Amino acid sequence: MQFVTIFRTLRSRMRLMSRLLGVPFLFISLYPLSALSAQLTLEQAWKQAELANPALRASQANLAAAEGELTDARALLWNNPQISTERRSRNVSQTGQPINSKDGISGLSQTLEIAGQQGIRQRAAEKNLAAILENIAEMKHQVHAEIEQRFVQVLSLQLRIQTEEATLKLIGDAAKAVGKRVAAGEDSRLDGNLAKVEAERAQNQVSILREQLVQARADLSALLQMPPDQMPEVTGSLDATLPSYTLEDLLGSSARRPLLNVLDYREGVARDRVALERASIYPDVTLGLRYGRELGVDNNVATLSVSLPIPLFRRNATGIGRAETDLTQTEIEKQAASRDVRAQVLALWQRWVDLKTRVKRLSESVLPSLEENQHLSSISFRAGEIGLLQLLLVNRQVLDGQRDLLDARTELRITKVRLEAAAGWQPASDLR
C-alpha cells in the first residue's frame, strides 16, 4: 500500500509538471530512457555506421551522377536532332485581284560525330562508375577500421577502469588496516598518511580514466551519428583471434586494394578524356533535310544539306592541355599511393610482430609473478611481516604490470586493424 501511495503521488506531480510546462506527460516520463547507455557490439556498430556515417553516405551519393553520365553516354547519338518549321504568307495581284497564298517548310537536322567520340565517352563513363563503386568499397573498409579502433579504445578504457577499481579496493583495505594500527599505536602517523595519499592517488586515477572514457564514447557516438544524449557502452573481447595470413598475403592484397583500383580507373578515365579532347578537333557533320513549298515554286521541294565547320583557328588546345594535366596528376598520385601503401603495410607488419611478442612476454612471464607477489605480500602484511611501504610497492608494481599488458593488448588490436585496413584485407568469409 505504501508503494502504491508513493507511485500515485509521483504520477500526480509529473502530470502537474506537464501542464505547467506544456509538455506531454508521456514524453516527460519516458525521456530519461533515451539518455541511458546503449550496449553495442562491434557488429552492431558496423551496421550502424554503414547506415549513418556521413563520409560513407557522401561517397554513396556520387553514384547517381555517375549512373546518369553512363546513361547519357550509352544513348544512340550524343547530340539531339533538331526540328524546324517555317510558315510564309504572301499577297500577289493577278488581273487586279489580290490573292493570299501561304507556304510552309519543315526541316530535320542531326549533328554527327565522326572521330569515335561516342565510344570514348562511353568507356570513360563506365570507368568512372567503376571508380565510384571501388571508392565506396574503400570508404566502407576505412569506416569499419575507424569504428573498430574507436570501439577498442572504449573497451580498453572500460577494462582499465575495472582494473584500477580493483586496485583501489586493495589500497582502501590496506588504508583501513593501517588506520586501525595507527589508532592502536602499532604504526606511525606517517604510515597512515602514506596510506591515505596512496588511496587518493588511486581514486584520482580512476576519475581521470572516467573522463577519458566519456570522451572516447562521445567520439564513437559521433562516428555512428547516434542521438546526442546517447553514449554507447561497448561489449566484447579486447583480444581478437590471431589471423593466419603472412606478409606476402598482405602485400598481395594491398596490390588489389580498392584505393589503388580507384586510381587505376581514374587514370583510365583521364586517358579517355585526353582522347576525347583530341577527337574534338575533328569537326562534327550536320545533316539537314527540308521539305515544303517555297515562294515562287508551284510544287513541293525536298532539300538535303551538309554543313561542316573548318577547324582553322581554334583547335581545342585548352581542352587538350587540361586533360593531359589531369592525366599527369593522376599518374603521380597513383605512383605515390602504390609506394605509400606498400611501405605502410611493411611498417605495420613489423610493429604487429613486435607487439605480439611483448603481449606474450607480459602475460606469460611478468604478470603471473607480480600477481603471486601481490598475494604473498597481502598475507605477509596481515601477519605483520612487512610494512606498508613494501605492500604499496608490490601493489604499484602489479598495477603497472596490468597497465602495461592492457596497453600492449590494446595497441596489438589497433595495429591489427590498421594493418588490415592498409592492406585492404578481406577475410574469406567476407568475400563469400
Protein backbone atom coordinates (compact mmCIF):
# COMPACT_ATOMS: atom_id res chain seq x y z
CA MET A 1 0.00 0.00 0.00
CA GLN A 2 2.81 2.41 0.80
CA PHE A 3 4.40 1.78 -2.59
CA VAL A 4 1.09 2.42 -4.37
CA THR A 5 0.68 5.70 -2.50
CA ILE A 6 4.18 6.84 -3.43
CA PHE A 7 3.63 5.93 -7.07
CA ARG A 8 0.33 7.81 -7.25
CA THR A 9 1.90 10.89 -5.66
CA LEU A 10 4.79 10.80 -8.14
CA ARG A 11 2.43 10.39 -11.07
CA SER A 12 0.26 13.33 -9.99
CA ARG A 13 3.34 15.54 -9.65
CA MET A 14 4.56 14.55 -13.12
CA ARG A 15 1.17 15.43 -14.60
CA LEU A 16 1.24 18.78 -12.82
CA MET A 17 4.69 19.49 -14.29
CA SER A 18 3.47 18.55 -17.76
CA ARG A 19 0.55 21.01 -17.50
CA LEU A 20 2.81 23.79 -16.23
CA LEU A 21 5.49 23.25 -18.87
CA GLY A 22 3.16 22.41 -21.72
CA VAL A 23 4.95 19.09 -22.34
CA PRO A 24 3.10 15.79 -22.67
CA PHE A 25 3.28 13.56 -19.61
CA LEU A 26 4.36 10.56 -21.66
CA PHE A 27 7.35 12.46 -23.07
CA ILE A 28 8.47 13.57 -19.59
CA SER A 29 8.13 10.13 -18.13
CA LEU A 30 9.98 8.38 -20.96
CA TYR A 31 12.63 11.00 -21.80
CA PRO A 32 15.27 9.66 -19.37
CA LEU A 33 15.17 6.33 -21.19
CA SER A 34 16.77 7.90 -24.26
CA ALA A 35 19.73 9.07 -22.21
CA LEU A 36 20.60 5.58 -21.00
CA SER A 37 23.76 3.94 -22.27
CA ALA A 38 23.31 1.72 -25.30
CA GLN A 39 25.08 -1.64 -25.24
CA LEU A 40 26.88 -2.10 -28.54
CA THR A 41 28.74 -4.98 -30.09
CA LEU A 42 31.27 -4.38 -32.84
CA GLU A 43 28.99 -5.89 -35.48
CA GLN A 44 26.14 -3.62 -34.43
CA ALA A 45 28.45 -0.61 -34.60
CA TRP A 46 29.49 -1.55 -38.14
CA LYS A 47 25.88 -1.86 -39.27
CA GLN A 48 25.01 1.47 -37.69
CA ALA A 49 27.97 3.14 -39.39
CA GLU A 50 27.01 1.76 -42.81
CA LEU A 51 23.59 3.39 -42.43
CA ALA A 52 24.54 6.70 -40.84
CA ASN A 53 28.24 7.55 -41.30
CA PRO A 54 28.44 10.91 -43.14
CA ALA A 55 31.60 10.11 -45.12
CA LEU A 56 30.22 6.79 -46.37
CA ARG A 57 26.87 8.33 -47.28
CA ALA A 58 28.61 11.14 -49.15
CA SER A 59 30.59 8.65 -51.25
CA GLN A 60 27.42 6.68 -52.00
CA ALA A 61 25.69 9.87 -53.13
CA ASN A 62 28.11 10.12 -56.08
CA LEU A 63 26.54 7.02 -57.64
CA ALA A 64 23.57 8.92 -59.07
CA ALA A 65 25.78 11.32 -61.04
CA ALA A 66 27.97 8.50 -62.40
CA GLU A 67 24.97 6.41 -63.44
CA GLY A 68 23.39 9.41 -65.16
CA GLU A 69 26.61 10.10 -67.05
CA LEU A 70 26.76 6.49 -68.23
CA THR A 71 23.11 6.59 -69.35
CA ASP A 72 23.79 9.67 -71.49
CA ALA A 73 26.96 8.12 -72.91
CA ARG A 74 25.10 4.97 -73.97
CA ALA A 75 22.49 6.90 -75.93
CA LEU A 76 22.26 6.25 -79.66
CA LEU A 77 23.67 9.68 -80.50
CA TRP A 78 25.29 12.32 -78.30
CA ASN A 79 23.57 15.27 -80.00
CA ASN A 80 19.81 15.55 -80.15
CA PRO A 81 18.10 16.07 -83.53
CA GLN A 82 16.63 19.48 -84.30
CA ILE A 83 13.26 20.08 -85.91
CA SER A 84 12.47 23.34 -87.67
CA THR A 85 9.37 24.65 -89.41
CA GLU A 86 8.60 27.80 -91.38
CA ARG A 87 5.28 29.33 -92.39
CA ARG A 88 5.16 32.04 -95.06
CA SER A 89 2.35 34.20 -96.29
CA ARG A 90 2.34 36.29 -99.49
CA ASN A 91 -0.08 38.62 -101.24
CA VAL A 92 0.10 38.82 -105.02
CA SER A 93 -2.10 40.62 -107.55
CA GLN A 94 -3.24 39.00 -110.72
CA THR A 95 -5.64 40.74 -113.09
CA GLY A 96 -6.19 43.39 -110.50
CA GLN A 97 -7.45 40.88 -107.87
CA PRO A 98 -5.28 40.29 -104.74
CA ILE A 99 -4.51 36.65 -103.93
CA ASN A 100 -3.34 35.48 -100.48
CA SER A 101 -1.00 32.44 -100.60
CA LYS A 102 0.58 30.54 -97.71
CA ASP A 103 3.62 28.22 -97.94
CA GLY A 104 5.30 26.00 -95.34
CA ILE A 105 8.67 24.27 -94.99
CA SER A 106 9.62 21.65 -92.39
CA GLY A 107 13.14 20.52 -91.65
CA LEU A 108 15.11 17.95 -89.62
CA SER A 109 18.85 18.19 -88.86
CA GLN A 110 21.22 15.92 -86.97
CA THR A 111 24.82 16.59 -85.87
CA LEU A 112 27.07 13.53 -86.12
CA GLU A 113 30.46 12.90 -84.50
CA ILE A 114 32.93 11.37 -86.93
CA ALA A 115 36.03 10.71 -84.76
CA GLY A 116 34.70 8.00 -82.42
CA GLN A 117 33.80 10.34 -79.58
CA GLN A 118 30.74 8.24 -78.71
CA GLY A 119 32.73 5.12 -77.88
CA ILE A 120 35.41 7.06 -75.99
CA ARG A 121 32.78 8.84 -73.91
CA GLN A 122 31.05 5.56 -73.07
CA ARG A 123 34.29 3.87 -71.95
CA ALA A 124 35.15 6.87 -69.76
CA ALA A 125 31.69 6.81 -68.15
CA GLU A 126 31.97 3.08 -67.42
CA LYS A 127 35.39 3.51 -65.79
CA ASN A 128 34.14 6.48 -63.79
CA LEU A 129 31.24 4.40 -62.43
CA ALA A 130 33.64 1.57 -61.57
CA ALA A 131 35.87 4.07 -59.76
CA ILE A 132 32.90 5.31 -57.73
CA LEU A 133 31.99 1.74 -56.72
CA GLU A 134 35.59 0.98 -55.72
CA ASN A 135 35.72 4.22 -53.75
CA ILE A 136 32.58 3.20 -51.85
CA ALA A 137 34.21 -0.16 -51.05
CA GLU A 138 37.37 1.63 -49.87
CA MET A 139 35.38 4.09 -47.78
CA LYS A 140 33.37 1.27 -46.23
CA HIS A 141 36.56 -0.58 -45.29
CA GLN A 142 38.12 2.53 -43.80
CA VAL A 143 34.95 3.38 -41.84
CA HIS A 144 34.92 -0.17 -40.45
CA ALA A 145 38.54 0.23 -39.40
CA GLU A 146 37.93 3.60 -37.76
CA ILE A 147 34.85 2.31 -35.94
CA GLU A 148 36.77 -0.71 -34.66
CA GLN A 149 39.62 1.47 -33.40
CA ARG A 150 37.22 3.74 -31.51
CA PHE A 151 35.39 0.66 -30.24
CA VAL A 152 38.64 -0.87 -28.96
CA GLN A 153 39.60 2.38 -27.24
CA VAL A 154 36.29 2.49 -25.38
CA LEU A 155 36.54 -1.19 -24.48
CA SER A 156 40.13 -0.74 -23.27
CA LEU A 157 39.18 2.18 -21.03
CA GLN A 158 36.31 0.18 -19.56
CA LEU A 159 38.69 -2.67 -18.71
CA ARG A 160 41.27 -0.22 -17.39
CA ILE A 161 38.72 1.30 -15.02
CA GLN A 162 37.78 -2.16 -13.76
CA THR A 163 41.45 -2.91 -13.06
CA GLU A 164 42.01 0.43 -11.32
CA GLU A 165 38.90 -0.03 -9.20
CA ALA A 166 40.08 -3.47 -8.08
CA THR A 167 43.44 -1.98 -7.12
CA LEU A 168 41.67 0.90 -5.41
CA LYS A 169 39.77 -1.57 -3.26
CA LEU A 170 43.00 -3.28 -2.22
CA ILE A 171 44.60 0.05 -1.36
CA GLY A 172 41.47 1.10 0.54
CA ASP A 173 41.51 -2.09 2.58
CA ALA A 174 45.18 -1.54 3.37
CA ALA A 175 44.47 2.08 4.36
CA LYS A 176 41.74 0.95 6.76
CA ALA A 177 44.05 -1.62 8.31
CA VAL A 178 46.80 0.97 8.73
CA GLY A 179 44.29 3.39 10.23
CA LYS A 180 43.37 0.83 12.88
CA ARG A 181 47.06 0.22 13.62
CA VAL A 182 47.73 3.92 13.93
CA ALA A 183 44.80 4.28 16.32
CA ALA A 184 46.16 1.35 18.35
CA GLY A 185 49.66 2.85 18.36
CA GLU A 186 51.14 0.00 16.36
CA ASP A 187 52.03 2.13 13.31
CA SER A 188 53.16 5.71 12.99
CA ARG A 189 51.10 8.58 11.65
CA LEU A 190 53.49 8.65 8.69
CA ASP A 191 52.27 5.22 7.62
CA GLY A 192 48.68 6.39 7.99
CA ASN A 193 49.31 9.46 5.84
CA LEU A 194 51.06 7.36 3.20
CA ALA A 195 48.07 5.03 3.03
CA LYS A 196 45.63 7.95 2.65
CA VAL A 197 47.73 9.60 -0.05
CA GLU A 198 48.01 6.35 -1.98
CA ALA A 199 44.25 5.81 -1.76
CA GLU A 200 43.56 9.35 -3.01
CA ARG A 201 46.00 8.91 -5.88
CA ALA A 202 44.27 5.72 -6.92
CA GLN A 203 40.86 7.43 -6.72
CA ASN A 204 42.17 10.33 -8.79
CA GLN A 205 43.44 7.95 -11.45
CA VAL A 206 40.01 6.32 -11.69
CA SER A 207 38.41 9.76 -12.10
CA ILE A 208 40.81 10.64 -14.92
CA LEU A 209 40.05 7.39 -16.70
CA ARG A 210 36.31 8.02 -16.38
CA GLU A 211 36.76 11.41 -18.04
CA GLN A 212 38.72 9.80 -20.87
CA LEU A 213 36.01 7.16 -21.22
CA VAL A 214 33.32 9.82 -21.61
CA GLN A 215 35.28 11.48 -24.41
CA ALA A 216 36.00 8.16 -26.14
CA ARG A 217 32.33 7.19 -26.02
CA ALA A 218 31.36 10.62 -27.36
CA ASP A 219 33.77 10.18 -30.30
CA LEU A 220 32.31 6.76 -31.08
CA SER A 221 28.78 8.16 -30.84
CA ALA A 222 29.66 10.92 -33.32
CA LEU A 223 31.01 8.41 -35.83
CA LEU A 224 27.82 6.37 -35.53
CA GLN A 225 25.64 9.51 -35.70
CA MET A 226 23.76 8.45 -32.60
CA PRO A 227 21.46 10.90 -30.77
CA PRO A 228 23.46 13.45 -28.75
CA ASP A 229 22.11 12.14 -25.45
CA GLN A 230 23.21 8.55 -26.13
CA MET A 231 26.66 7.43 -25.01
CA PRO A 232 27.38 3.88 -26.19
CA GLU A 233 28.79 1.35 -23.77
CA VAL A 234 30.53 -1.35 -25.75
CA THR A 235 30.71 -5.04 -25.03
CA GLY A 236 33.06 -7.61 -26.47
CA SER A 237 36.55 -9.06 -26.22
CA LEU A 238 39.69 -6.97 -26.45
CA ASP A 239 41.73 -9.88 -27.80
CA ALA A 240 40.82 -10.70 -31.39
CA THR A 241 41.55 -14.06 -32.95
CA LEU A 242 45.06 -14.06 -34.37
CA PRO A 243 44.86 -14.30 -38.17
CA SER A 244 46.75 -16.83 -40.25
CA TYR A 245 47.88 -14.57 -43.08
CA THR A 246 51.51 -13.89 -43.90
CA LEU A 247 53.29 -10.74 -45.00
CA GLU A 248 53.19 -11.95 -48.61
CA ASP A 249 49.42 -12.39 -48.36
CA LEU A 250 49.01 -8.84 -47.12
CA LEU A 251 51.29 -7.39 -49.79
CA GLY A 252 49.35 -9.25 -52.46
CA SER A 253 46.09 -7.95 -51.01
CA SER A 254 47.44 -4.39 -50.90
CA ALA A 255 48.03 -4.51 -54.67
CA ARG A 256 44.29 -5.19 -55.07
CA ARG A 257 43.20 -2.62 -52.51
CA PRO A 258 40.12 -0.63 -53.64
CA LEU A 259 42.07 2.62 -53.23
CA LEU A 260 44.56 1.55 -55.92
CA ASN A 261 41.72 0.26 -58.10
CA VAL A 262 40.11 3.69 -57.83
CA LEU A 263 43.31 5.32 -59.07
CA ASP A 264 43.60 2.77 -61.91
CA TYR A 265 40.11 3.60 -63.10
CA ARG A 266 40.69 7.32 -62.71
CA GLU A 267 43.84 7.03 -64.80
CA GLY A 268 41.82 5.27 -67.48
CA VAL A 269 39.17 7.98 -67.34
CA ALA A 270 41.86 10.65 -67.68
CA ARG A 271 43.34 8.91 -70.74
CA ASP A 272 39.92 8.62 -72.35
CA ARG A 273 39.26 12.29 -71.75
CA VAL A 274 42.56 13.19 -73.42
CA ALA A 275 41.48 11.09 -76.40
CA LEU A 276 38.05 12.75 -76.35
CA GLU A 277 39.52 16.24 -76.34
CA ARG A 278 41.85 15.34 -79.21
CA ALA A 279 38.97 13.82 -81.16
CA SER A 280 37.01 17.02 -80.76
CA ILE A 281 39.46 18.69 -83.19
CA TYR A 282 37.69 16.83 -85.96
CA PRO A 283 34.55 18.72 -86.95
CA ASP A 284 31.05 17.37 -86.42
CA VAL A 285 29.00 16.89 -89.57
CA THR A 286 25.46 18.23 -89.55
CA LEU A 287 22.97 16.65 -91.96
CA GLY A 288 19.75 18.51 -92.70
CA LEU A 289 16.59 17.67 -94.61
CA ARG A 290 14.00 20.27 -95.57
CA TYR A 291 10.71 19.64 -97.32
CA GLY A 292 7.91 22.01 -98.35
CA ARG A 293 6.76 24.58 -100.82
CA GLU A 294 8.88 27.67 -101.24
CA LEU A 295 7.87 31.03 -102.54
CA GLY A 296 7.68 31.18 -106.28
CA VAL A 297 7.60 27.39 -106.66
CA ASP A 298 4.40 25.58 -107.51
CA ASN A 299 5.48 22.11 -106.36
CA ASN A 300 6.93 20.84 -103.05
CA VAL A 301 10.72 20.81 -102.82
CA ALA A 302 12.99 18.48 -100.79
CA THR A 303 16.40 19.82 -99.83
CA LEU A 304 19.33 17.85 -98.34
CA SER A 305 22.10 19.90 -96.74
CA VAL A 306 25.51 19.08 -95.26
CA SER A 307 27.43 21.52 -93.05
CA LEU A 308 30.99 21.04 -91.86
CA PRO A 309 32.92 23.58 -89.75
CA ILE A 310 36.53 24.13 -90.76
CA PRO A 311 38.99 23.65 -87.83
CA LEU A 312 41.13 26.54 -88.93
CA PHE A 313 41.55 28.92 -85.98
CA ARG A 314 40.57 27.11 -82.75
CA ARG A 315 41.89 23.57 -82.37
CA ASN A 316 40.88 22.88 -78.73
CA ALA A 317 44.37 23.37 -77.33
CA THR A 318 42.91 24.46 -73.98
CA GLY A 319 40.81 21.32 -73.51
CA ILE A 320 43.66 19.01 -74.56
CA GLY A 321 46.11 20.74 -72.22
CA ARG A 322 43.79 20.48 -69.22
CA ALA A 323 43.07 16.81 -69.93
CA GLU A 324 46.79 16.00 -70.20
CA THR A 325 47.43 17.86 -66.94
CA ASP A 326 44.76 15.82 -65.17
CA LEU A 327 46.27 12.61 -66.58
CA THR A 328 49.76 13.53 -65.33
CA GLN A 329 48.47 14.38 -61.86
CA THR A 330 46.54 11.11 -61.69
CA GLU A 331 49.62 9.11 -62.68
CA ILE A 332 51.69 10.86 -59.99
CA GLU A 333 49.01 10.21 -57.37
CA LYS A 334 48.81 6.54 -58.35
CA GLN A 335 52.58 6.03 -58.12
CA ALA A 336 52.76 7.74 -54.73
CA ALA A 337 49.81 5.77 -53.38
CA SER A 338 51.28 2.44 -54.52
CA ARG A 339 54.55 3.21 -52.79
CA ASP A 340 52.90 4.51 -49.59
CA VAL A 341 50.54 1.54 -49.27
CA ARG A 342 53.36 -0.99 -49.52
CA ALA A 343 55.56 0.94 -47.06
CA GLN A 344 52.67 1.25 -44.62
CA VAL A 345 51.97 -2.48 -44.72
CA LEU A 346 55.63 -3.32 -44.09
CA ALA A 347 55.90 -0.92 -41.14
CA LEU A 348 52.64 -2.04 -39.52
CA TRP A 349 53.55 -5.70 -40.01
CA GLN A 350 56.83 -5.24 -38.08
CA ARG A 351 55.02 -3.38 -35.31
CA TRP A 352 52.36 -6.09 -35.12
CA VAL A 353 55.00 -8.84 -34.79
CA ASP A 354 56.81 -6.92 -32.02
CA LEU A 355 53.56 -6.30 -30.13
CA LYS A 356 52.63 -9.98 -30.27
CA THR A 357 55.96 -10.83 -28.67
CA ARG A 358 55.53 -8.17 -25.99
CA VAL A 359 51.99 -9.27 -25.10
CA LYS A 360 53.10 -12.89 -24.84
CA ARG A 361 56.03 -11.99 -22.58
CA LEU A 362 53.90 -9.83 -20.28
CA SER A 363 51.02 -12.26 -19.99
CA GLU A 364 53.08 -15.44 -19.57
CA SER A 365 56.11 -14.26 -17.57
CA VAL A 366 55.80 -10.87 -15.93
CA LEU A 367 52.19 -10.61 -14.78
CA PRO A 368 51.91 -14.06 -13.11
CA SER A 369 55.00 -13.30 -10.99
CA LEU A 370 53.61 -9.90 -9.99
CA GLU A 371 50.23 -11.37 -9.02
CA GLU A 372 51.96 -14.02 -6.93
CA ASN A 373 53.96 -11.30 -5.20
CA GLN A 374 50.76 -9.36 -4.51
CA HIS A 375 49.12 -12.40 -2.93
CA LEU A 376 52.15 -13.17 -0.77
CA SER A 377 52.60 -9.54 0.28
CA SER A 378 48.96 -9.28 1.38
CA ILE A 379 49.41 -12.34 3.61
CA SER A 380 52.68 -11.02 4.99
CA PHE A 381 51.17 -7.57 5.65
CA ARG A 382 48.26 -9.03 7.60
CA ALA A 383 50.73 -11.15 9.56
CA GLY A 384 52.84 -8.08 10.31
CA GLU A 385 55.89 -9.45 8.50
CA ILE A 386 56.21 -6.49 6.10
CA GLY A 387 55.33 -2.84 6.41
CA LEU A 388 53.09 -0.55 4.42
CA LEU A 389 55.83 0.68 2.13
CA GLN A 390 56.63 -2.84 0.93
CA LEU A 391 52.92 -3.56 0.37
CA LEU A 392 52.39 -0.34 -1.58
CA LEU A 393 55.46 -1.07 -3.68
CA VAL A 394 54.19 -4.52 -4.62
CA ASN A 395 50.69 -3.21 -5.39
CA ARG A 396 52.17 -0.45 -7.52
CA GLN A 397 54.27 -2.96 -9.46
CA VAL A 398 51.24 -5.17 -10.05
CA LEU A 399 49.16 -2.20 -11.21
CA ASP A 400 51.92 -1.03 -13.53
CA GLY A 401 52.24 -4.54 -14.95
CA GLN A 402 48.50 -4.76 -15.55
CA ARG A 403 48.55 -1.36 -17.24
CA ASP A 404 51.45 -2.41 -19.47
CA LEU A 405 49.67 -5.59 -20.50
CA LEU A 406 46.37 -3.84 -21.17
CA ASP A 407 48.11 -1.11 -23.18
CA ALA A 408 50.00 -3.73 -25.18
CA ARG A 409 46.81 -5.71 -25.88
CA THR A 410 45.07 -2.52 -26.97
CA GLU A 411 47.92 -1.50 -29.26
CA LEU A 412 48.08 -5.02 -30.70
CA ARG A 413 44.38 -4.93 -31.60
CA ILE A 414 44.54 -1.41 -33.06
CA THR A 415 47.70 -2.26 -35.03
CA LYS A 416 45.97 -5.33 -36.45
CA VAL A 417 43.04 -3.18 -37.56
CA ARG A 418 45.33 -0.62 -39.18
CA LEU A 419 47.39 -3.34 -40.86
CA GLU A 420 44.37 -4.98 -42.44
CA ALA A 421 42.96 -1.59 -43.46
CA ALA A 422 46.25 -0.62 -45.10
CA ALA A 423 46.41 -3.92 -46.97
CA GLY A 424 42.72 -3.89 -47.88
CA TRP A 425 42.50 -7.34 -46.35
CA GLN A 426 39.17 -9.13 -46.65
CA PRO A 427 38.66 -12.40 -44.75
CA ALA A 428 37.41 -15.32 -46.80
CA SER A 429 34.04 -15.22 -45.01
CA ASP A 430 33.53 -11.58 -46.10
CA LEU A 431 34.47 -12.39 -49.67
CA ARG A 432 31.90 -15.18 -49.79
